[in-house]
N, C-alpha and C. Protein backbone atom coordinates (compact mmCIF):
# COMPACT_ATOMS: atom_id res chain seq x y z
N MET A 1 12.02 4.00 -1.30
CA MET A 1 11.68 5.11 -2.41
C MET A 1 10.95 6.08 -2.11
N GLY A 2 11.05 7.46 -2.05
CA GLY A 2 10.90 8.68 -1.82
C GLY A 2 9.39 8.63 -2.23
N THR A 3 9.30 10.00 -3.38
CA THR A 3 8.07 10.31 -3.47
C THR A 3 8.14 10.39 -5.06
N LEU A 4 7.28 9.76 -5.81
CA LEU A 4 7.11 9.28 -7.15
C LEU A 4 6.03 9.43 -8.13
N TRP A 5 6.31 10.51 -8.98
CA TRP A 5 5.15 10.59 -9.97
C TRP A 5 5.66 10.79 -11.18
N THR A 6 5.58 9.58 -12.05
CA THR A 6 6.06 9.46 -13.62
C THR A 6 5.10 9.38 -14.35
N SER A 7 5.55 9.74 -15.66
CA SER A 7 4.57 8.93 -17.03
C SER A 7 5.08 8.18 -17.28
N ARG A 8 4.23 7.41 -17.82
CA ARG A 8 4.35 6.09 -19.01
C ARG A 8 5.15 6.39 -20.09
N ASN A 9 4.93 7.46 -20.44
CA ASN A 9 5.54 7.82 -21.99
C ASN A 9 6.44 8.36 -21.69
N GLY A 10 7.22 8.38 -20.55
CA GLY A 10 8.73 8.69 -19.93
C GLY A 10 8.54 10.14 -19.94
N VAL A 11 7.52 11.05 -19.47
CA VAL A 11 8.00 12.10 -18.94
C VAL A 11 7.80 12.23 -17.40
N ALA A 12 8.78 12.45 -16.49
CA ALA A 12 8.65 12.78 -15.22
C ALA A 12 7.94 13.76 -14.79
N ALA A 13 6.82 13.59 -14.06
CA ALA A 13 6.13 14.78 -13.42
C ALA A 13 7.00 15.14 -12.10
N LEU A 14 6.68 13.94 -11.10
CA LEU A 14 7.66 14.60 -10.04
C LEU A 14 8.01 13.47 -9.42
N LEU A 15 10.00 13.76 -9.03
CA LEU A 15 10.37 12.54 -8.47
C LEU A 15 11.65 13.00 -7.55
N ALA A 16 11.16 12.57 -6.05
CA ALA A 16 12.28 12.51 -5.06
C ALA A 16 12.79 11.18 -4.68
N ALA A 17 13.72 10.99 -5.17
CA ALA A 17 14.33 9.74 -5.21
C ALA A 17 14.71 9.44 -4.19
N GLY A 18 14.69 7.91 -3.70
CA GLY A 18 15.46 7.32 -2.35
C GLY A 18 16.07 6.10 -3.03
N SER A 19 16.03 5.32 -2.00
CA SER A 19 16.41 3.47 -1.85
C SER A 19 15.36 2.89 -2.65
N PHE A 20 15.40 2.01 -3.28
CA PHE A 20 14.72 0.79 -3.87
C PHE A 20 14.82 -0.33 -3.18
N PHE A 21 14.11 -1.46 -3.29
CA PHE A 21 14.16 -2.65 -2.49
C PHE A 21 15.62 -3.65 -2.92
N THR A 22 15.51 -4.18 -2.23
CA THR A 22 17.30 -5.42 -2.06
C THR A 22 16.69 -6.64 -3.10
N VAL A 23 17.64 -7.30 -3.75
CA VAL A 23 17.98 -8.27 -4.57
C VAL A 23 17.90 -9.16 -4.04
N PRO A 24 17.18 -10.37 -4.62
CA PRO A 24 17.36 -11.45 -3.58
C PRO A 24 18.43 -12.59 -3.75
N LEU A 25 19.10 -12.57 -2.40
CA LEU A 25 20.77 -13.24 -2.09
C LEU A 25 20.82 -14.53 -2.24
N SER A 26 20.53 -15.00 -1.13
CA SER A 26 20.70 -16.14 -0.54
C SER A 26 19.79 -16.55 0.86
N ALA A 27 19.96 -17.67 1.08
CA ALA A 27 18.77 -18.27 1.95
C ALA A 27 19.43 -17.92 3.10
N VAL A 28 18.86 -17.57 4.42
CA VAL A 28 19.28 -17.56 5.63
C VAL A 28 19.22 -18.80 6.64
N ALA A 29 19.70 -18.61 8.02
CA ALA A 29 19.55 -19.70 8.93
C ALA A 29 17.74 -20.58 8.86
N ALA A 30 17.91 -21.72 8.93
CA ALA A 30 16.85 -22.57 8.83
C ALA A 30 16.19 -22.33 7.79
N ASP A 31 16.80 -22.35 6.57
CA ASP A 31 16.53 -21.93 5.00
C ASP A 31 15.19 -21.27 5.06
N ILE A 32 14.65 -20.38 5.78
CA ILE A 32 13.58 -19.66 5.73
C ILE A 32 13.80 -18.35 4.75
N PHE A 33 13.07 -18.25 4.22
CA PHE A 33 13.09 -17.11 3.08
C PHE A 33 12.19 -15.68 3.52
N TYR A 34 12.73 -14.63 3.33
CA TYR A 34 11.63 -13.57 4.03
C TYR A 34 11.47 -12.68 2.73
N SER A 35 10.31 -12.32 2.31
CA SER A 35 10.31 -11.33 1.82
C SER A 35 9.14 -10.50 1.70
N GLY A 36 9.04 -9.27 1.54
CA GLY A 36 7.79 -8.24 2.02
C GLY A 36 7.73 -6.95 1.23
N ARG A 37 6.80 -6.12 1.45
CA ARG A 37 7.03 -4.77 0.47
C ARG A 37 5.70 -3.99 1.16
N ALA A 38 6.28 -2.54 1.67
CA ALA A 38 4.95 -1.77 1.87
C ALA A 38 5.39 -0.38 1.20
N THR A 39 4.04 0.35 1.15
CA THR A 39 3.88 1.41 0.31
C THR A 39 2.87 2.20 1.06
N GLY A 40 3.31 3.57 0.83
CA GLY A 40 2.18 4.46 1.36
C GLY A 40 0.91 4.91 0.19
N VAL A 41 1.19 5.13 -1.14
CA VAL A 41 0.64 5.21 -2.01
C VAL A 41 1.25 4.57 -2.94
N ASP A 42 0.44 3.75 -4.02
CA ASP A 42 0.60 3.36 -5.28
C ASP A 42 -0.36 3.13 -6.07
N GLY A 43 -0.32 3.85 -7.32
CA GLY A 43 -1.17 3.88 -8.33
C GLY A 43 -0.83 3.78 -9.55
N GLN A 44 -1.87 3.78 -10.46
CA GLN A 44 -1.25 3.66 -12.17
C GLN A 44 -2.85 4.33 -12.50
N THR A 45 -2.63 5.42 -12.99
CA THR A 45 -3.79 6.20 -13.08
C THR A 45 -3.47 7.01 -14.67
N THR A 46 -4.49 7.46 -14.97
CA THR A 46 -5.03 8.43 -16.35
C THR A 46 -5.22 9.93 -15.58
N VAL A 47 -4.53 10.89 -16.08
CA VAL A 47 -5.08 11.97 -15.73
C VAL A 47 -4.96 13.10 -16.76
N GLY A 48 -6.18 13.54 -17.35
CA GLY A 48 -6.18 14.12 -18.44
C GLY A 48 -5.76 13.57 -19.86
N GLY A 49 -6.11 12.17 -19.84
CA GLY A 49 -5.20 11.76 -20.88
C GLY A 49 -4.16 11.01 -21.21
N SER A 50 -3.44 11.65 -20.16
CA SER A 50 -2.02 10.84 -20.08
C SER A 50 -1.80 10.10 -18.69
N ASP A 51 -1.13 8.93 -19.30
CA ASP A 51 -1.11 7.74 -18.17
C ASP A 51 0.20 8.43 -17.25
N GLN A 52 -0.08 8.11 -16.03
CA GLN A 52 0.87 8.29 -14.56
C GLN A 52 1.06 7.27 -13.69
N ASP A 53 2.00 7.07 -13.25
CA ASP A 53 2.08 6.15 -12.00
C ASP A 53 2.66 7.16 -11.02
N VAL A 54 2.03 6.62 -9.58
CA VAL A 54 1.86 7.22 -8.53
C VAL A 54 2.61 6.40 -7.79
N LEU A 55 3.73 6.51 -6.66
CA LEU A 55 4.45 5.97 -5.64
C LEU A 55 5.09 6.50 -5.04
N ILE A 56 4.46 6.56 -3.42
CA ILE A 56 4.87 7.79 -2.33
C ILE A 56 5.24 6.45 -1.32
N ALA A 57 6.36 6.39 -1.11
CA ALA A 57 7.09 5.81 0.41
C ALA A 57 6.60 4.61 -0.10
N ASP A 58 8.01 3.83 -0.49
CA ASP A 58 8.05 2.23 -0.65
C ASP A 58 9.45 1.39 -0.16
N THR A 59 8.93 0.62 0.43
CA THR A 59 10.42 -0.24 0.81
C THR A 59 10.03 -1.69 0.52
N ALA A 60 11.04 -2.26 0.62
CA ALA A 60 10.80 -3.86 0.88
C ALA A 60 12.11 -4.55 0.71
N MET A 61 11.82 -5.85 1.44
CA MET A 61 12.98 -6.80 1.66
C MET A 61 12.96 -8.12 0.88
N SER A 62 13.82 -8.50 0.71
CA SER A 62 14.18 -10.21 0.22
C SER A 62 14.99 -11.06 0.86
N CYS A 63 14.65 -12.29 1.05
CA CYS A 63 15.61 -13.24 1.51
C CYS A 63 16.13 -12.93 2.95
N GLN A 64 17.03 -12.10 3.18
CA GLN A 64 17.71 -11.47 4.60
C GLN A 64 17.09 -11.39 5.30
N GLY A 65 15.79 -10.47 5.17
CA GLY A 65 15.07 -10.09 5.89
C GLY A 65 15.10 -8.68 6.88
N LEU A 66 16.14 -8.27 6.61
CA LEU A 66 16.75 -7.13 7.23
C LEU A 66 15.73 -6.10 7.57
N PRO A 67 15.84 -5.26 8.28
CA PRO A 67 15.15 -3.88 8.26
C PRO A 67 15.11 -2.98 7.35
N HIS A 68 13.79 -2.60 7.25
CA HIS A 68 13.93 -1.24 5.92
C HIS A 68 12.78 -0.38 6.61
N ASP A 69 12.85 1.06 6.50
CA ASP A 69 12.22 1.66 6.55
C ASP A 69 11.99 3.64 5.89
N GLU A 70 11.26 3.50 5.68
CA GLU A 70 11.26 4.95 4.72
C GLU A 70 10.13 5.93 5.42
N THR A 71 10.36 7.11 5.34
CA THR A 71 9.23 7.67 5.88
C THR A 71 9.25 9.30 4.95
N VAL A 72 8.04 9.61 4.74
CA VAL A 72 7.83 10.89 3.88
C VAL A 72 6.89 11.87 4.91
N ALA A 73 7.66 13.19 5.36
CA ALA A 73 7.06 13.97 6.46
C ALA A 73 5.45 14.41 5.15
N ALA A 74 5.57 14.84 4.58
CA ALA A 74 4.25 15.29 4.04
C ALA A 74 4.19 14.82 2.04
N PHE A 75 2.88 15.05 1.81
CA PHE A 75 2.81 14.85 0.19
C PHE A 75 1.72 15.65 0.08
N SER A 76 1.66 16.11 -1.13
CA SER A 76 0.08 17.35 -1.45
C SER A 76 0.71 17.39 -2.91
N ASN A 77 -0.60 16.87 -3.87
CA ASN A 77 -0.57 16.79 -5.23
C ASN A 77 -1.46 17.85 -5.89
N PRO A 78 -1.55 18.71 -6.89
CA PRO A 78 -2.86 19.31 -7.56
C PRO A 78 -3.59 18.91 -7.90
N ALA A 79 -4.59 19.68 -8.21
CA ALA A 79 -5.73 19.09 -9.01
C ALA A 79 -5.30 18.42 -10.41
N PRO A 80 -6.37 17.30 -10.93
CA PRO A 80 -7.57 17.42 -10.29
C PRO A 80 -7.47 15.98 -9.36
N ALA A 81 -6.71 15.30 -9.36
CA ALA A 81 -6.34 14.54 -7.97
C ALA A 81 -6.27 15.29 -7.03
N GLN A 82 -6.74 16.14 -6.02
CA GLN A 82 -6.05 16.59 -5.11
C GLN A 82 -5.78 15.58 -3.82
N ALA A 83 -4.82 15.23 -3.55
CA ALA A 83 -4.47 14.39 -2.75
C ALA A 83 -3.06 14.57 -1.96
N LYS A 84 -3.51 14.47 -0.16
CA LYS A 84 -2.22 14.67 0.90
C LYS A 84 -2.29 13.88 2.03
N ALA A 85 -1.39 14.09 2.58
CA ALA A 85 -1.36 13.10 3.66
C ALA A 85 0.14 13.35 5.06
N GLN A 86 0.26 13.37 5.88
CA GLN A 86 1.21 13.58 6.64
C GLN A 86 1.84 12.02 7.18
N ASN A 87 3.04 12.31 7.48
CA ASN A 87 3.72 11.31 8.61
C ASN A 87 3.70 9.89 7.80
N ILE A 88 4.02 10.12 6.39
CA ILE A 88 3.44 8.48 5.68
C ILE A 88 5.13 7.38 5.92
N HIS A 89 4.92 6.33 6.69
CA HIS A 89 5.84 5.70 7.34
C HIS A 89 5.77 3.98 7.06
N VAL A 90 6.81 3.70 6.14
CA VAL A 90 6.59 2.26 5.51
C VAL A 90 7.90 1.35 6.26
N HIS A 91 7.55 -0.29 6.64
CA HIS A 91 8.86 -0.72 7.46
C HIS A 91 8.59 -2.25 7.11
N THR A 92 9.53 -2.91 6.62
CA THR A 92 9.62 -4.34 6.36
C THR A 92 10.44 -4.78 7.39
N LEU A 93 10.49 -6.04 7.91
CA LEU A 93 11.36 -6.76 8.65
C LEU A 93 11.10 -7.98 8.65
N GLY A 94 11.97 -9.22 8.38
CA GLY A 94 12.25 -10.59 8.28
C GLY A 94 12.89 -10.71 9.59
N LYS A 95 12.61 -11.71 10.89
CA LYS A 95 13.13 -12.30 11.77
C LYS A 95 12.64 -13.07 12.76
N ASN A 96 12.89 -13.95 13.61
CA ASN A 96 12.57 -15.02 14.40
C ASN A 96 11.03 -15.57 13.41
N GLY A 97 11.27 -16.19 12.13
CA GLY A 97 10.50 -16.91 11.10
C GLY A 97 9.46 -15.96 11.12
N THR A 98 9.29 -14.59 11.18
CA THR A 98 8.10 -13.65 10.53
C THR A 98 8.62 -12.56 9.71
N ALA A 99 7.97 -12.74 8.47
CA ALA A 99 7.97 -11.59 7.56
C ALA A 99 6.62 -10.50 8.14
N ALA A 100 7.15 -9.11 8.39
CA ALA A 100 6.00 -8.03 8.75
C ALA A 100 6.55 -7.07 7.79
N ALA A 101 5.22 -6.72 7.49
CA ALA A 101 5.43 -5.37 6.74
C ALA A 101 4.01 -4.15 7.21
N ASP A 102 4.53 -2.89 7.40
CA ASP A 102 3.57 -2.21 7.84
C ASP A 102 3.68 -0.83 7.10
N ALA A 103 2.33 -0.42 7.02
CA ALA A 103 2.16 1.30 6.51
C ALA A 103 1.43 2.04 6.82
N THR A 104 1.97 3.31 7.35
CA THR A 104 1.26 3.82 8.36
C THR A 104 1.27 5.67 7.71
N MET A 105 -0.13 6.45 7.70
CA MET A 105 0.02 8.08 7.65
C MET A 105 -1.08 8.35 8.53
N ASP A 106 -0.94 9.49 8.51
CA ASP A 106 -1.75 10.56 9.08
C ASP A 106 -2.63 11.30 8.21
N ASN A 107 -3.62 12.04 8.23
CA ASN A 107 -4.46 12.72 7.70
C ASN A 107 -4.55 12.75 6.49
N TYR A 108 -4.96 11.64 6.03
CA TYR A 108 -4.83 11.25 4.39
C TYR A 108 -6.48 12.06 3.64
N SER A 109 -6.39 12.63 2.45
CA SER A 109 -6.91 13.11 1.80
C SER A 109 -7.00 13.03 0.51
N LEU A 110 -8.35 12.51 -0.22
CA LEU A 110 -8.26 12.87 -1.62
C LEU A 110 -9.45 13.41 -1.95
N ASN A 111 -9.28 14.24 -3.20
CA ASN A 111 -10.45 14.57 -3.64
C ASN A 111 -10.72 15.32 -5.35
N ILE A 112 -11.73 14.78 -5.72
CA ILE A 112 -11.80 14.52 -7.02
C ILE A 112 -12.94 14.96 -6.84
N PRO A 113 -13.90 15.30 -8.53
CA PRO A 113 -15.25 15.47 -8.79
C PRO A 113 -15.65 14.18 -8.51
N GLY A 114 -16.80 13.94 -7.20
CA GLY A 114 -17.67 13.12 -7.25
C GLY A 114 -17.13 11.99 -5.82
N LEU A 115 -15.74 12.47 -5.64
CA LEU A 115 -15.24 11.72 -4.47
C LEU A 115 -14.93 12.39 -3.55
N ASN A 116 -14.84 12.33 -2.10
CA ASN A 116 -14.14 12.91 -0.92
C ASN A 116 -14.01 11.83 -0.24
N ILE A 117 -12.60 11.65 0.43
CA ILE A 117 -12.21 10.95 0.71
C ILE A 117 -11.17 11.55 1.99
N SER A 118 -11.61 11.27 3.58
CA SER A 118 -10.49 11.74 4.48
C SER A 118 -10.38 10.62 5.63
N ALA A 119 -9.41 10.39 6.23
CA ALA A 119 -9.11 9.73 7.31
C ALA A 119 -7.57 10.64 8.25
N THR A 120 -8.37 10.16 9.54
CA THR A 120 -7.48 10.91 10.68
C THR A 120 -6.20 10.05 10.82
N GLY A 121 -6.35 9.09 10.79
CA GLY A 121 -5.18 7.61 10.29
C GLY A 121 -5.63 6.66 9.71
N ILE A 122 -4.31 6.32 8.58
CA ILE A 122 -4.76 4.95 8.09
C ILE A 122 -3.51 3.71 8.42
N GLY A 123 -3.85 2.84 8.49
CA GLY A 123 -2.41 1.79 8.68
C GLY A 123 -2.89 0.28 8.36
N ALA A 124 -2.28 -0.17 7.32
CA ALA A 124 -2.29 -1.63 6.88
C ALA A 124 -1.19 -2.24 7.27
N HIS A 125 -1.40 -3.84 7.74
CA HIS A 125 -0.17 -4.45 8.13
C HIS A 125 -0.51 -5.90 7.81
N ALA A 126 0.73 -6.49 7.55
CA ALA A 126 0.77 -8.04 7.16
C ALA A 126 1.61 -8.44 8.05
N ARG A 127 1.42 -10.09 8.23
CA ARG A 127 2.40 -11.13 8.98
C ARG A 127 2.52 -12.40 8.29
N ALA A 128 3.31 -13.01 8.11
CA ALA A 128 3.46 -14.32 7.61
C ALA A 128 4.40 -15.05 8.62
N THR A 129 4.29 -16.02 9.42
CA THR A 129 4.96 -17.02 9.98
C THR A 129 5.14 -18.14 10.09
N CYS A 130 6.44 -18.46 10.28
CA CYS A 130 6.81 -19.95 9.87
C CYS A 130 6.88 -20.65 10.73
N ASP A 131 6.58 -21.97 11.22
CA ASP A 131 6.95 -23.26 12.50
C ASP A 131 7.78 -24.18 11.62
N ILE A 132 8.91 -23.59 12.16
CA ILE A 132 9.77 -24.35 11.85
C ILE A 132 9.66 -26.05 12.32
N GLY A 133 9.33 -26.02 13.52
CA GLY A 133 8.88 -27.51 13.74
C GLY A 133 8.13 -28.31 12.52
N SER A 134 7.08 -27.59 12.25
CA SER A 134 6.05 -28.38 11.42
C SER A 134 6.39 -27.63 9.78
N GLY A 135 7.13 -26.87 9.53
CA GLY A 135 7.44 -26.51 8.18
C GLY A 135 6.10 -25.50 7.55
N THR A 136 4.96 -25.45 8.41
CA THR A 136 3.96 -24.51 8.13
C THR A 136 3.81 -23.05 8.23
N THR A 137 2.98 -22.61 7.48
CA THR A 137 3.17 -20.79 7.57
C THR A 137 1.71 -20.38 7.64
N THR A 138 1.84 -19.53 8.85
CA THR A 138 0.26 -18.96 9.00
C THR A 138 0.59 -16.94 8.96
N ALA A 139 -0.39 -16.97 8.06
CA ALA A 139 -0.55 -15.52 7.45
C ALA A 139 -1.80 -14.66 7.90
N SER A 140 -1.41 -13.47 8.51
CA SER A 140 -2.51 -12.43 8.61
C SER A 140 -2.14 -11.17 8.26
N GLY A 141 -3.31 -10.42 8.47
CA GLY A 141 -3.38 -9.10 8.30
C GLY A 141 -3.95 -7.73 8.48
N HIS A 142 -4.18 -7.08 8.80
CA HIS A 142 -5.64 -6.05 8.78
C HIS A 142 -5.04 -4.72 8.85
N SER A 143 -6.32 -3.92 8.77
CA SER A 143 -5.87 -2.27 8.46
C SER A 143 -6.61 -1.36 10.08
N ASN A 144 -6.43 -0.57 9.88
CA ASN A 144 -6.95 0.45 10.82
C ASN A 144 -7.47 1.73 10.74
N PHE A 145 -8.10 2.51 10.89
CA PHE A 145 -8.60 3.74 10.79
C PHE A 145 -8.51 4.55 11.43
N GLY A 146 -8.01 5.92 11.95
CA GLY A 146 -8.62 6.78 13.08
C GLY A 146 -9.75 7.11 12.68
N SER A 147 -10.43 7.63 11.65
CA SER A 147 -11.72 7.89 11.42
C SER A 147 -11.35 7.72 9.56
N LEU A 148 -12.89 7.64 9.15
CA LEU A 148 -13.01 7.36 7.52
C LEU A 148 -13.78 7.74 7.69
N ILE A 149 -13.90 8.92 6.62
CA ILE A 149 -15.31 9.67 5.84
C ILE A 149 -15.47 9.54 4.38
N ILE A 150 -16.48 8.84 4.03
CA ILE A 150 -16.54 9.15 2.36
C ILE A 150 -17.46 9.72 2.11
N ASN A 151 -17.26 11.09 0.92
CA ASN A 151 -18.43 11.72 0.44
C ASN A 151 -19.42 12.31 1.96
N GLY A 152 -18.95 12.60 3.03
CA GLY A 152 -19.06 13.08 4.39
C GLY A 152 -20.15 12.18 5.07
N GLN A 153 -19.77 10.83 5.09
CA GLN A 153 -20.45 10.09 5.64
C GLN A 153 -19.57 9.06 6.39
N SER A 154 -19.25 9.22 7.63
CA SER A 154 -18.18 8.18 8.34
C SER A 154 -18.89 6.74 8.19
N THR A 155 -17.75 5.83 8.08
CA THR A 155 -18.06 4.85 7.41
C THR A 155 -16.87 3.79 8.62
N THR A 156 -17.93 3.17 8.43
CA THR A 156 -17.15 1.74 9.54
C THR A 156 -16.17 0.76 8.82
N MET A 157 -15.27 -0.07 9.28
CA MET A 157 -14.25 -0.68 8.82
C MET A 157 -15.10 -2.38 8.84
N ALA A 158 -14.87 -3.09 7.78
CA ALA A 158 -14.85 -4.72 7.74
C ALA A 158 -14.14 -5.15 6.35
N ILE A 159 -13.65 -6.37 6.52
CA ILE A 159 -12.88 -6.98 5.81
C ILE A 159 -13.38 -6.97 4.45
N ASN A 160 -12.56 -6.38 3.24
CA ASN A 160 -13.24 -6.57 1.76
C ASN A 160 -14.43 -5.68 1.72
N LYS A 161 -14.86 -4.45 2.59
CA LYS A 161 -16.30 -4.24 2.14
C LYS A 161 -15.88 -3.27 1.12
N ARG A 162 -16.92 -3.25 0.04
CA ARG A 162 -17.14 -2.61 -1.02
C ARG A 162 -18.33 -1.22 -0.97
N ILE A 163 -17.48 -0.41 -1.33
CA ILE A 163 -18.62 1.13 -1.26
C ILE A 163 -18.62 1.31 -2.98
N ASP A 164 -20.02 1.44 -3.31
CA ASP A 164 -19.80 2.20 -4.67
C ASP A 164 -20.17 3.39 -4.87
N ILE A 165 -19.58 4.16 -6.12
CA ILE A 165 -19.47 5.30 -6.19
C ILE A 165 -20.10 5.71 -7.08
N PRO A 166 -21.85 6.22 -7.36
CA PRO A 166 -22.19 6.00 -8.33
C PRO A 166 -21.44 7.26 -9.54
N ASN A 167 -21.28 7.19 -10.74
CA ASN A 167 -20.85 7.35 -11.84
C ASN A 167 -19.16 8.04 -11.14
N VAL A 168 -18.81 7.53 -10.48
CA VAL A 168 -16.88 7.61 -10.11
C VAL A 168 -16.50 6.12 -10.34
N GLY A 169 -16.86 5.18 -9.37
CA GLY A 169 -15.90 3.85 -9.56
C GLY A 169 -16.54 3.09 -7.84
N ARG A 170 -15.47 2.96 -7.26
CA ARG A 170 -15.86 1.97 -6.54
C ARG A 170 -14.47 2.27 -5.36
N ILE A 171 -14.58 1.30 -3.82
CA ILE A 171 -13.74 1.70 -3.27
C ILE A 171 -13.81 0.33 -1.97
N VAL A 172 -12.59 -0.32 -2.14
CA VAL A 172 -12.54 -1.53 -1.35
C VAL A 172 -11.79 -1.52 0.28
N VAL A 173 -12.37 -1.03 1.58
CA VAL A 173 -11.82 -0.81 2.62
C VAL A 173 -11.59 -2.41 3.19
N ASP A 174 -10.08 -2.22 3.72
CA ASP A 174 -9.34 -3.36 4.24
C ASP A 174 -9.50 -4.77 3.24
N GLU A 175 -8.89 -4.41 2.16
CA GLU A 175 -9.15 -5.29 1.13
C GLU A 175 -7.76 -6.57 1.67
N HIS A 176 -8.13 -7.76 2.03
CA HIS A 176 -7.09 -9.00 1.96
C HIS A 176 -7.33 -10.08 0.79
N ARG A 177 -5.84 -10.24 0.59
CA ARG A 177 -5.84 -11.29 -0.03
C ARG A 177 -4.52 -11.97 0.18
N HIS A 178 -5.20 -13.52 0.93
CA HIS A 178 -4.75 -14.25 1.67
C HIS A 178 -4.43 -15.51 1.08
N TYR A 179 -2.72 -15.86 0.70
CA TYR A 179 -2.77 -16.99 0.25
C TYR A 179 -1.74 -18.15 1.21
N ALA A 180 -1.31 -19.15 0.56
CA ALA A 180 -0.99 -20.35 1.93
C ALA A 180 0.24 -19.34 2.72
N ASN A 181 1.25 -19.02 2.00
CA ASN A 181 2.34 -18.29 2.87
C ASN A 181 2.63 -17.00 2.83
N GLN A 182 1.62 -16.19 2.62
CA GLN A 182 1.82 -14.64 2.32
C GLN A 182 0.42 -13.85 2.55
N MET A 183 0.49 -12.92 2.95
CA MET A 183 -0.39 -12.29 3.08
C MET A 183 -0.40 -10.69 2.40
N LYS A 184 -1.60 -9.97 1.65
CA LYS A 184 -1.61 -8.84 1.23
C LYS A 184 -2.67 -7.89 1.39
N VAL A 185 -2.56 -6.53 1.81
CA VAL A 185 -3.58 -6.17 2.57
C VAL A 185 -3.57 -4.42 1.74
N ASN A 186 -4.70 -4.18 1.64
CA ASN A 186 -4.40 -2.88 0.89
C ASN A 186 -5.63 -2.27 1.80
N ALA A 187 -5.07 -1.15 2.79
CA ALA A 187 -6.38 -0.37 3.36
C ALA A 187 -7.37 0.30 2.94
N LEU A 188 -6.95 1.06 1.56
CA LEU A 188 -7.85 1.44 0.84
C LEU A 188 -7.50 0.84 -1.01
N HIS A 189 -8.38 0.28 -1.76
CA HIS A 189 -8.02 0.24 -2.94
C HIS A 189 -9.28 1.04 -3.66
N ILE A 190 -9.02 2.26 -4.35
CA ILE A 190 -9.83 3.12 -4.82
C ILE A 190 -9.96 2.95 -6.35
N THR A 191 -11.43 2.70 -6.94
CA THR A 191 -11.18 2.21 -8.15
C THR A 191 -11.96 3.34 -9.27
N LEU A 192 -11.32 3.86 -10.04
CA LEU A 192 -12.10 4.89 -10.80
C LEU A 192 -12.14 4.77 -12.05
N ASP A 193 -13.39 4.66 -12.44
CA ASP A 193 -13.37 3.94 -13.97
C ASP A 193 -14.71 4.32 -15.16
N ASN A 194 -14.55 5.80 -14.24
CA ASN A 194 -15.80 6.56 -15.21
C ASN A 194 -14.82 7.34 -16.00
N PRO A 195 -14.93 7.00 -17.34
CA PRO A 195 -14.01 7.87 -18.33
C PRO A 195 -14.28 9.29 -18.70
N ALA A 196 -15.48 9.98 -18.03
CA ALA A 196 -15.84 10.97 -18.06
C ALA A 196 -15.56 12.02 -16.69
N THR A 197 -14.68 11.07 -16.00
CA THR A 197 -14.26 12.16 -14.80
C THR A 197 -13.08 12.39 -15.10
N PRO A 198 -11.95 13.50 -14.67
CA PRO A 198 -10.77 14.13 -14.98
C PRO A 198 -10.00 12.82 -14.93
N MET A 199 -9.87 11.90 -13.78
CA MET A 199 -9.14 10.90 -13.69
C MET A 199 -9.58 9.61 -13.24
N SER A 200 -8.80 8.51 -13.85
CA SER A 200 -9.51 7.26 -13.85
C SER A 200 -8.17 5.95 -13.59
N GLY A 201 -8.15 5.19 -13.12
CA GLY A 201 -7.56 4.34 -12.78
C GLY A 201 -7.57 3.26 -11.18
N ASP A 202 -6.23 2.72 -10.75
CA ASP A 202 -6.36 2.40 -9.41
C ASP A 202 -5.47 3.05 -8.40
N ILE A 203 -5.94 3.02 -7.40
CA ILE A 203 -5.20 3.63 -6.44
C ILE A 203 -4.92 2.87 -5.14
N TYR A 204 -3.96 2.74 -4.69
CA TYR A 204 -3.89 1.96 -3.49
C TYR A 204 -3.30 3.03 -2.14
N VAL A 205 -4.16 2.71 -0.89
CA VAL A 205 -3.33 3.73 0.03
C VAL A 205 -3.02 2.69 1.07
N ALA A 206 -1.80 2.59 1.55
CA ALA A 206 -1.31 1.99 2.85
C ALA A 206 -1.62 0.60 1.96
N LYS A 207 -0.49 0.01 1.43
CA LYS A 207 -0.75 -1.06 0.93
C LYS A 207 0.68 -2.37 0.97
N VAL A 208 0.63 -3.26 1.41
CA VAL A 208 1.35 -4.26 2.39
C VAL A 208 1.22 -5.39 1.81
N ASN A 209 2.47 -6.56 1.73
CA ASN A 209 2.78 -7.57 1.65
C ASN A 209 4.03 -8.36 2.50
N ALA A 210 3.25 -9.71 3.08
CA ALA A 210 4.72 -10.02 3.70
C ALA A 210 4.79 -11.76 3.10
N LYS A 211 5.62 -12.38 2.77
CA LYS A 211 5.56 -14.01 2.54
C LYS A 211 6.85 -14.35 2.97
N VAL A 212 6.56 -15.54 3.51
CA VAL A 212 7.86 -16.62 4.12
C VAL A 212 7.82 -18.29 3.75
N VAL A 213 9.14 -18.17 3.26
CA VAL A 213 8.77 -19.62 2.44
C VAL A 213 9.63 -20.47 3.55
N CYS A 214 8.85 -21.26 4.14
CA CYS A 214 9.59 -22.27 5.30
C CYS A 214 9.86 -23.19 4.93
N ASN A 215 11.07 -23.82 5.04
CA ASN A 215 11.65 -25.30 4.37
C ASN A 215 12.63 -25.75 5.65
N PRO A 216 12.23 -26.07 6.91
CA PRO A 216 12.96 -26.83 7.90
C PRO A 216 13.71 -28.16 7.20
């Protein structure tokens, strides 16, 4: 998917369409089923009383595990949620028993009243690997930041690190959701829950998941 801003009431705000993800078809060798998705920015927000969905750079795979790539050179959107980034790249691949999903970008920033975020680089990575001999799956993932500054303060990274922003919302850094055969990672999960601010909702920056079903 290229860059997508749509309104849930049916009014499109911005649409630069690309390809969407594949539909499950059939099993591959050794009955290993691959699936995964990688997204640059994903969100469900309310801006000025209007519901809007956000989707910037998105690609996915299912079953075959074929490589899928999407690159957006840059994006920028106006107030009240002034956000921008460069070199947004998303990638999924299933190969040799491993499902992989990656999302990276440069120079991300988000500025709304009460919250300013900037990072020279952001990445999220998820892996799920099938051991064909034992039929077991190992899932792992991580995020990386060139730098991360929130409201003027340099922020260190830690898994599922939560930062509360009074009168605005909260941020989870390197958000992990680990399942038996699947890994989900969000480099940043931003929740805006103060109805008094111009914008509310959830925004995911560098969002990936990788899953493998292993049936030797």
